[in-house]
C-alpha atoms as a PDB file:
ATOM      1  CA  MET A   1      11.212   8.384 -27.425  1.00  0.00           C
ATOM      2  CA  THR A   2      11.567   4.809 -28.584  1.00  0.00           C
ATOM      3  CA  PRO A   3       9.660   3.618 -31.651  1.00  0.00           C
ATOM      4  CA  MET A   4       7.421   1.450 -29.442  1.00  0.00           C
ATOM      5  CA  ALA A   5       6.674   4.393 -27.146  1.00  0.00           C
ATOM      6  CA  ALA A   6       5.743   6.487 -30.186  1.00  0.00           C
ATOM      7  CA  ILE A   7       3.411   3.761 -31.459  1.00  0.00           C
ATOM      8  CA  ASN A   8       1.793   3.390 -28.032  1.00  0.00           C
ATOM      9  CA  ALA A   9       1.365   7.164 -27.697  1.00  0.00           C
ATOM     10  CA  ARG A  10      -0.345   7.249 -31.090  1.00  0.00           C
ATOM     11  CA  LEU A  11      -2.666   4.367 -30.141  1.00  0.00           C
ATOM     12  CA  VAL A  12      -3.618   6.141 -26.906  1.00  0.00           C
ATOM     13  CA  LEU A  13      -4.267   9.381 -28.798  1.00  0.00           C
ATOM     14  CA  GLU A  14      -6.481   7.607 -31.337  1.00  0.00           C
ATOM     15  CA  ALA A  15      -8.306   5.715 -28.577  1.00  0.00           C
ATOM     16  CA  LYS A  16      -8.974   8.949 -26.672  1.00  0.00           C
ATOM     17  CA  ARG A  17     -10.262  10.613 -29.822  1.00  0.00           C
ATOM     18  CA  GLU A  18     -12.614   7.734 -30.607  1.00  0.00           C
ATOM     19  CA  LEU A  19     -13.850   7.424 -27.027  1.00  0.00           C
ATOM     20  CA  ALA A  20     -14.549  11.154 -26.806  1.00  0.00           C
ATOM     21  CA  HIS A  21     -16.123  11.691 -30.224  1.00  0.00           C
ATOM     22  CA  SER A  22     -17.638   8.373 -31.296  1.00  0.00           C
ATOM     23  CA  ARG A  23     -20.631   6.359 -30.192  1.00  0.00           C
ATOM     24  CA  GLN A  24     -18.923   3.107 -31.152  1.00  0.00           C
ATOM     25  CA  SER A  25     -18.657   0.476 -28.459  1.00  0.00           C
ATOM     26  CA  ILE A  26     -15.357   0.085 -26.651  1.00  0.00           C
ATOM     27  CA  LYS A  27     -15.070  -3.352 -28.244  1.00  0.00           C
ATOM     28  CA  ALA A  28     -15.450  -1.846 -31.729  1.00  0.00           C
ATOM     29  CA  ILE A  29     -12.892   0.874 -30.982  1.00  0.00           C
ATOM     30  CA  ALA A  30     -10.453  -1.727 -29.672  1.00  0.00           C
ATOM     31  CA  HIS A  31     -10.915  -3.781 -32.838  1.00  0.00           C
ATOM     32  CA  ASP A  32     -10.491  -0.720 -35.084  1.00  0.00           C
ATOM     33  CA  LEU A  33      -7.172   0.026 -33.352  1.00  0.00           C
ATOM     34  CA  GLY A  34      -5.914  -3.513 -33.908  1.00  0.00           C
ATOM     35  CA  PHE A  35      -6.654  -5.092 -30.524  1.00  0.00           C
ATOM     36  CA  SER A  36      -8.244  -8.527 -30.874  1.00  0.00           C
ATOM     37  CA  ASP A  37      -9.008  -8.686 -27.128  1.00  0.00           C
ATOM     38  CA  VAL A  38     -11.032  -5.882 -25.534  1.00  0.00           C
ATOM     39  CA  GLY A  39      -9.646  -6.837 -22.118  1.00  0.00           C
ATOM     40  CA  TYR A  40      -6.106  -6.271 -23.324  1.00  0.00           C
ATOM     41  CA  PHE A  41      -7.137  -2.938 -24.853  1.00  0.00           C
ATOM     42  CA  SER A  42      -8.663  -1.886 -21.529  1.00  0.00           C
ATOM     43  CA  ARG A  43      -5.487  -2.817 -19.621  1.00  0.00           C
ATOM     44  CA  PHE A  44      -3.320  -1.043 -22.214  1.00  0.00           C
ATOM     45  CA  PHE A  45      -5.478   2.094 -22.017  1.00  0.00           C
ATOM     46  CA  ARG A  46      -5.474   2.114 -18.198  1.00  0.00           C
ATOM     47  CA  LYS A  47      -1.689   1.660 -18.112  1.00  0.00           C
ATOM     48  CA  HIS A  48      -1.225   4.780 -20.225  1.00  0.00           C
ATOM     49  CA  THR A  49      -4.016   7.000 -18.845  1.00  0.00           C
ATOM     50  CA  GLN A  50      -4.773   5.678 -15.328  1.00  0.00           C
ATOM     51  CA  LEU A  51      -8.415   5.385 -16.435  1.00  0.00           C
ATOM     52  CA  SER A  52     -10.396   2.586 -18.000  1.00  0.00           C
ATOM     53  CA  PRO A  53     -11.895   3.358 -21.409  1.00  0.00           C
ATOM     54  CA  SER A  54     -15.377   3.592 -19.874  1.00  0.00           C
ATOM     55  CA  GLU A  55     -14.142   5.907 -17.097  1.00  0.00           C
ATOM     56  CA  PHE A  56     -12.489   8.136 -19.697  1.00  0.00           C
ATOM     57  CA  ARG A  57     -15.656   8.221 -21.793  1.00  0.00           C
ATOM     58  CA  GLY A  58     -17.808   8.887 -18.715  1.00  0.00           C
ATOM     59  CA  GLN A  59     -15.741  11.923 -17.784  1.00  0.00           C
ATOM     60  CA  GLY A  60     -16.308  13.421 -21.200  1.00  0.00           C
ATOM     61  CA  ALA A  61     -12.526  13.827 -21.393  1.00  0.00           C
ATOM     62  CA  ALA A  62     -10.936  14.918 -24.618  1.00  0.00           C
END
C-alpha cells in the first residue's frame, strides 16, 4: 500500500465512523477531516465507498 493509499484509507475510516456515530453535519465532518470543500469530500467518499456520505449515513452502515 502506498503512503497516499494509507492516508486515504484512514480518512475513509474516520469519515465512516463520524457518519455512523455522530450527528454532525456532513459539512462539519468534512471540515474536521481537513476538506475545505464539502463537494470534494463527497466525491472523495463516493470514489472510495461507492456511496455518497448521505447514502452511507441513511443506510445506518458502520
